[in-house]
């Protein structure tokens, strides 16, 4: 369960970085796609593993 929450937070923070206009985050905006991809892949993988184990 912790892995799903953590992957969701990575995904949400990546979307936040992509959408924000705050100049304080300007230097980290290039990592937004990395965080979005990492969060989505991790979340999908975790859900697939849970489905295969029969926990879903």
PDB file of N, CA and C in Angstrom:
ATOM      1  N   UNK A   1       0.822  -1.187   0.000  1.00  0.00           N
ATOM      2  CA  UNK A   1       0.000   0.000   0.000  1.00  0.00           C
ATOM      3  C   UNK A   1       0.869   1.254   0.000  1.00  0.00           C
ATOM      4  N   UNK A   2       1.974   1.202   0.720  1.00  0.00           N
ATOM      5  CA  UNK A   2       2.872   2.348   0.783  1.00  0.00           C
ATOM      6  C   UNK A   2       3.448   2.667  -0.595  1.00  0.00           C
ATOM      7  N   UNK A   3       3.736   1.628  -1.381  1.00  0.00           N
ATOM      8  CA  UNK A   3       4.286   1.828  -2.722  1.00  0.00           C
ATOM      9  C   UNK A   3       3.308   2.521  -3.643  1.00  0.00           C
ATOM     10  N   UNK A   4       2.035   2.204  -3.509  1.00  0.00           N
ATOM     11  CA  UNK A   4       1.015   2.841  -4.330  1.00  0.00           C
ATOM     12  C   UNK A   4       0.888   4.322  -3.968  1.00  0.00           C
ATOM     13  N   UNK A   5       0.906   4.608  -2.697  1.00  0.00           N
ATOM     14  CA  UNK A   5       0.814   6.003  -2.244  1.00  0.00           C
ATOM     15  C   UNK A   5       2.041   6.787  -2.705  1.00  0.00           C
ATOM     16  N   UNK A   6       3.208   6.198  -2.567  1.00  0.00           N
ATOM     17  CA  UNK A   6       4.432   6.871  -2.983  1.00  0.00           C
ATOM     18  C   UNK A   6       4.457   7.121  -4.488  1.00  0.00           C
ATOM     19  N   UNK A   7       4.019   6.147  -5.282  1.00  0.00           N
ATOM     20  CA  UNK A   7       3.953   6.321  -6.736  1.00  0.00           C
ATOM     21  C   UNK A   7       2.948   7.406  -7.101  1.00  0.00           C
ATOM     22  N   UNK A   8       1.845   7.454  -6.405  1.00  0.00           N
ATOM     23  CA  UNK A   8       0.849   8.499  -6.643  1.00  0.00           C
ATOM     24  C   UNK A   8       1.384   9.875  -6.312  1.00  0.00           C
ATOM     25  N   UNK A   9       2.156   9.969  -5.242  1.00  0.00           N
ATOM     26  CA  UNK A   9       2.756  11.250  -4.879  1.00  0.00           C
ATOM     27  C   UNK A   9       3.793  11.697  -5.910  1.00  0.00           C
ATOM     28  N   UNK A  10       4.591  10.766  -6.416  1.00  0.00           N
ATOM     29  CA  UNK A  10       5.546  11.100  -7.474  1.00  0.00           C
ATOM     30  C   UNK A  10       4.825  11.609  -8.710  1.00  0.00           C
ATOM     31  N   UNK A  11       3.766  10.933  -9.075  1.00  0.00           N
ATOM     32  CA  UNK A  11       2.983  11.331 -10.233  1.00  0.00           C
ATOM     33  C   UNK A  11       2.356  12.708 -10.020  1.00  0.00           C
ATOM     34  N   UNK A  12       1.789  12.929  -8.863  1.00  0.00           N
ATOM     35  CA  UNK A  12       1.153  14.213  -8.559  1.00  0.00           C
ATOM     36  C   UNK A  12       2.175  15.347  -8.526  1.00  0.00           C
ATOM     37  N   UNK A  13       3.342  15.102  -7.959  1.00  0.00           N
ATOM     38  CA  UNK A  13       4.369  16.143  -7.907  1.00  0.00           C
ATOM     39  C   UNK A  13       4.904  16.456  -9.300  1.00  0.00           C
ATOM     40  N   UNK A  14       5.015  15.443 -10.152  1.00  0.00           N
ATOM     41  CA  UNK A  14       5.430  15.676 -11.528  1.00  0.00           C
ATOM     42  C   UNK A  14       4.436  16.536 -12.280  1.00  0.00           C
ATOM     43  N   UNK A  15       3.155  16.260 -12.094  1.00  0.00           N
ATOM     44  CA  UNK A  15       2.112  17.074 -12.722  1.00  0.00           C
ATOM     45  C   UNK A  15       2.147  18.491 -12.161  1.00  0.00           C
ATOM     46  N   UNK A  16       2.354  18.619 -10.862  1.00  0.00           N
ATOM     47  CA  UNK A  16       2.467  19.944 -10.248  1.00  0.00           C
ATOM     48  C   UNK A  16       3.630  20.729 -10.844  1.00  0.00           C
ATOM     49  N   UNK A  17       4.787  20.087 -11.002  1.00  0.00           N
ATOM     50  CA  UNK A  17       5.932  20.779 -11.583  1.00  0.00           C
ATOM     51  C   UNK A  17       5.656  21.211 -13.014  1.00  0.00           C
ATOM     52  N   UNK A  18       4.946  20.384 -13.754  1.00  0.00           N
ATOM     53  CA  UNK A  18       4.637  20.707 -15.141  1.00  0.00           C
ATOM     54  C   UNK A  18       3.691  21.894 -15.231  1.00  0.00           C
ATOM     55  N   UNK A  19       2.754  22.004 -14.301  1.00  0.00           N
ATOM     56  CA  UNK A  19       1.709  23.014 -14.379  1.00  0.00           C
ATOM     57  C   UNK A  19       2.046  24.324 -13.666  1.00  0.00           C
ATOM     58  N   UNK A  20       3.002  24.328 -12.774  1.00  0.00           N
ATOM     59  CA  UNK A  20       3.258  25.514 -11.965  1.00  0.00           C
ATOM     60  C   UNK A  20       3.941  26.615 -12.772  1.00  0.00           C
ATOM     61  N   UNK A  21       3.649  27.831 -12.399  1.00  0.00           N
ATOM     62  CA  UNK A  21       4.274  29.005 -13.019  1.00  0.00           C
ATOM     63  C   UNK A  21       5.208  29.721 -12.045  1.00  0.00           C
ATOM     64  N   UNK A  22       5.417  29.137 -10.872  1.00  0.00           N
ATOM     65  CA  UNK A  22       6.263  29.738  -9.846  1.00  0.00           C
ATOM     66  C   UNK A  22       7.722  29.747 -10.304  1.00  0.00           C
ATOM     67  N   UNK A  23       8.383  30.904 -10.276  1.00  0.00           N
ATOM     68  CA  UNK A  23       9.783  30.955 -10.721  1.00  0.00           C
ATOM     69  C   UNK A  23      10.736  30.184  -9.812  1.00  0.00           C
ATOM     70  N   UNK A  24      10.333  29.854  -8.609  1.00  0.00           N
ATOM     71  CA  UNK A  24      11.179  29.081  -7.708  1.00  0.00           C
ATOM     72  C   UNK A  24      11.373  27.646  -8.165  1.00  0.00           C
ATOM     73  N   UNK A  25      10.423  27.134  -8.936  1.00  0.00           N
ATOM     74  CA  UNK A  25      10.502  25.770  -9.450  1.00  0.00           C
ATOM     75  C   UNK A  25      11.044  25.714 -10.874  1.00  0.00           C
ATOM     76  N   UNK A  26      11.500  26.841 -11.406  1.00  0.00           N
ATOM     77  CA  UNK A  26      11.937  26.893 -12.807  1.00  0.00           C
ATOM     78  C   UNK A  26      13.120  25.970 -13.074  1.00  0.00           C
ATOM     79  N   UNK A  27      14.013  25.820 -12.127  1.00  0.00           N
ATOM     80  CA  UNK A  27      15.193  24.975 -12.347  1.00  0.00           C
ATOM     81  C   UNK A  27      14.867  23.483 -12.284  1.00  0.00           C
ATOM     82  N   UNK A  28      13.744  23.117 -11.703  1.00  0.00           N
ATOM     83  CA  UNK A  28      13.389  21.699 -11.593  1.00  0.00           C
ATOM     84  C   UNK A  28      12.284  21.282 -12.550  1.00  0.00           C
ATOM     85  N   UNK A  29      11.831  22.177 -13.408  1.00  0.00           N
ATOM     86  CA  UNK A  29      10.759  21.842 -14.343  1.00  0.00           C
ATOM     87  C   UNK A  29      11.177  20.777 -15.340  1.00  0.00           C
ATOM     88  N   UNK A  30      12.482  20.677 -15.616  1.00  0.00           N
ATOM     89  CA  UNK A  30      12.938  19.672 -16.582  1.00  0.00           C
ATOM     90  C   UNK A  30      12.787  18.250 -16.037  1.00  0.00           C
ATOM     91  N   UNK A  31      12.612  18.089 -14.745  1.00  0.00           N
ATOM     92  CA  UNK A  31      12.425  16.771 -14.144  1.00  0.00           C
ATOM     93  C   UNK A  31      10.957  16.350 -14.093  1.00  0.00           C
ATOM     94  N   UNK A  32      10.055  17.206 -14.552  1.00  0.00           N
ATOM     95  CA  UNK A  32       8.632  16.892 -14.441  1.00  0.00           C
ATOM     96  C   UNK A  32       8.265  15.649 -15.240  1.00  0.00           C
ATOM     97  N   UNK A  33       8.752  15.517 -16.474  1.00  0.00           N
ATOM     98  CA  UNK A  33       8.431  14.330 -17.275  1.00  0.00           C
ATOM     99  C   UNK A  33       9.030  13.075 -16.658  1.00  0.00           C
ATOM    100  N   UNK A  34      10.205  13.187 -16.078  1.00  0.00           N
ATOM    101  CA  UNK A  34      10.822  12.043 -15.417  1.00  0.00           C
ATOM    102  C   UNK A  34       9.969  11.571 -14.241  1.00  0.00           C
ATOM    103  N   UNK A  35       9.512  12.491 -13.430  1.00  0.00           N
ATOM    104  CA  UNK A  35       8.686  12.119 -12.278  1.00  0.00           C
ATOM    105  C   UNK A  35       7.329  11.565 -12.711  1.00  0.00           C
ATOM    106  N   UNK A  36       6.748  12.150 -13.757  1.00  0.00           N
ATOM    107  CA  UNK A  36       5.470  11.646 -14.260  1.00  0.00           C
ATOM    108  C   UNK A  36       5.630  10.224 -14.776  1.00  0.00           C
ATOM    109  N   UNK A  37       6.666   9.990 -15.569  1.00  0.00           N
ATOM    110  CA  UNK A  37       6.891   8.649 -16.120  1.00  0.00           C
ATOM    111  C   UNK A  37       7.209   7.646 -15.023  1.00  0.00           C
ATOM    112  N   UNK A  38       8.065   8.020 -14.104  1.00  0.00           N
ATOM    113  CA  UNK A  38       8.435   7.120 -13.010  1.00  0.00           C
ATOM    114  C   UNK A  38       7.232   6.772 -12.143  1.00  0.00           C
ATOM    115  N   UNK A  39       6.425   7.764 -11.815  1.00  0.00           N
ATOM    116  CA  UNK A  39       5.239   7.519 -11.007  1.00  0.00           C
ATOM    117  C   UNK A  39       4.226   6.643 -11.716  1.00  0.00           C
ATOM    118  N   UNK A  40       4.000   6.895 -13.007  1.00  0.00           N
ATOM    119  CA  UNK A  40       3.025   6.112 -13.766  1.00  0.00           C
ATOM    120  C   UNK A  40       3.482   4.665 -13.934  1.00  0.00           C
ATOM    121  N   UNK A  41       4.741   4.460 -14.272  1.00  0.00           N
ATOM    122  CA  UNK A  41       5.258   3.100 -14.456  1.00  0.00           C
ATOM    123  C   UNK A  41       5.247   2.330 -13.133  1.00  0.00           C
ATOM    124  N   UNK A  42       5.648   2.981 -12.068  1.00  0.00           N
ATOM    125  CA  UNK A  42       5.661   2.330 -10.757  1.00  0.00           C
ATOM    126  C   UNK A  42       4.250   1.987 -10.302  1.00  0.00           C
ATOM    127  N   UNK A  43       3.324   2.909 -10.496  1.00  0.00           N
ATOM    128  CA  UNK A  43       1.938   2.667 -10.110  1.00  0.00           C
ATOM    129  C   UNK A  43       1.331   1.524 -10.918  1.00  0.00           C
ATOM    130  N   UNK A  44       1.562   1.524 -12.222  1.00  0.00           N
ATOM    131  CA  UNK A  44       1.039   0.447 -13.063  1.00  0.00           C
ATOM    132  C   UNK A  44       1.661  -0.896 -12.678  1.00  0.00           C
ATOM    133  N   UNK A  45       2.951  -0.919 -12.456  1.00  0.00           N
ATOM    134  CA  UNK A  45       3.625  -2.153 -12.073  1.00  0.00           C
ATOM    135  C   UNK A  45       3.130  -2.689 -10.744  1.00  0.00           C
ATOM    136  N   UNK A  46       2.942  -1.803  -9.793  1.00  0.00           N
ATOM    137  CA  UNK A  46       2.458  -2.222  -8.475  1.00  0.00           C
ATOM    138  C   UNK A  46       1.058  -2.798  -8.569  1.00  0.00           C
ATOM    139  N   UNK A  47       0.201  -2.165  -9.375  1.00  0.00           N
ATOM    140  CA  UNK A  47      -1.160  -2.672  -9.534  1.00  0.00           C
ATOM    141  C   UNK A  47      -1.175  -4.015 -10.263  1.00  0.00           C
ATOM    142  N   UNK A  48      -0.316  -4.186 -11.253  1.00  0.00           N
ATOM    143  CA  UNK A  48      -0.233  -5.462 -11.967  1.00  0.00           C
ATOM    144  C   UNK A  48       0.230  -6.568 -11.029  1.00  0.00           C
ATOM    145  N   UNK A  49       1.239  -6.290 -10.221  1.00  0.00           N
ATOM    146  CA  UNK A  49       1.731  -7.290  -9.262  1.00  0.00           C
ATOM    147  C   UNK A  49       0.653  -7.663  -8.251  1.00  0.00           C
ATOM    148  N   UNK A  50      -0.074  -6.657  -7.749  1.00  0.00           N
ATOM    149  CA  UNK A  50      -1.148  -6.929  -6.788  1.00  0.00           C
ATOM    150  C   UNK A  50      -2.259  -7.747  -7.445  1.00  0.00           C
ATOM    151  N   UNK A  51      -2.566  -7.496  -8.710  1.00  0.00           N
ATOM    152  CA  UNK A  51      -3.599  -8.255  -9.418  1.00  0.00           C
ATOM    153  C   UNK A  51      -3.173  -9.703  -9.605  1.00  0.00           C
ATOM    154  N   UNK A  52      -1.894  -9.911  -9.937  1.00  0.00           N
ATOM    155  CA  UNK A  52      -1.400 -11.273 -10.143  1.00  0.00           C
ATOM    156  C   UNK A  52      -1.379 -12.073  -8.839  1.00  0.00           C
ATOM    157  N   UNK A  53      -1.146 -11.396  -7.738  1.00  0.00           N
ATOM    158  CA  UNK A  53      -1.161 -12.072  -6.446  1.00  0.00           C
ATOM    159  C   UNK A  53      -2.570 -12.312  -5.937  1.00  0.00           C
ATOM    160  N   UNK A  54      -3.555 -11.677  -6.562  1.00  0.00           N
ATOM    161  CA  UNK A  54      -4.938 -11.831  -6.142  1.00  0.00           C
ATOM    162  C   UNK A  54      -5.335 -10.917  -5.008  1.00  0.00           C
ATOM    163  N   UNK A  55      -4.585  -9.852  -4.795  1.00  0.00           N
ATOM    164  CA  UNK A  55      -4.894  -8.929  -3.711  1.00  0.00           C
ATOM    165  C   UNK A  55      -5.902  -7.853  -4.130  1.00  0.00           C
ATOM    166  N   UNK A  56      -6.174  -7.774  -5.413  1.00  0.00           N
ATOM    167  CA  UNK A  56      -7.143  -6.787  -5.897  1.00  0.00           C
ATOM    168  C   UNK A  56      -8.425  -7.506  -6.251  1.00  0.00           C
TER     169      UNK A  56
END
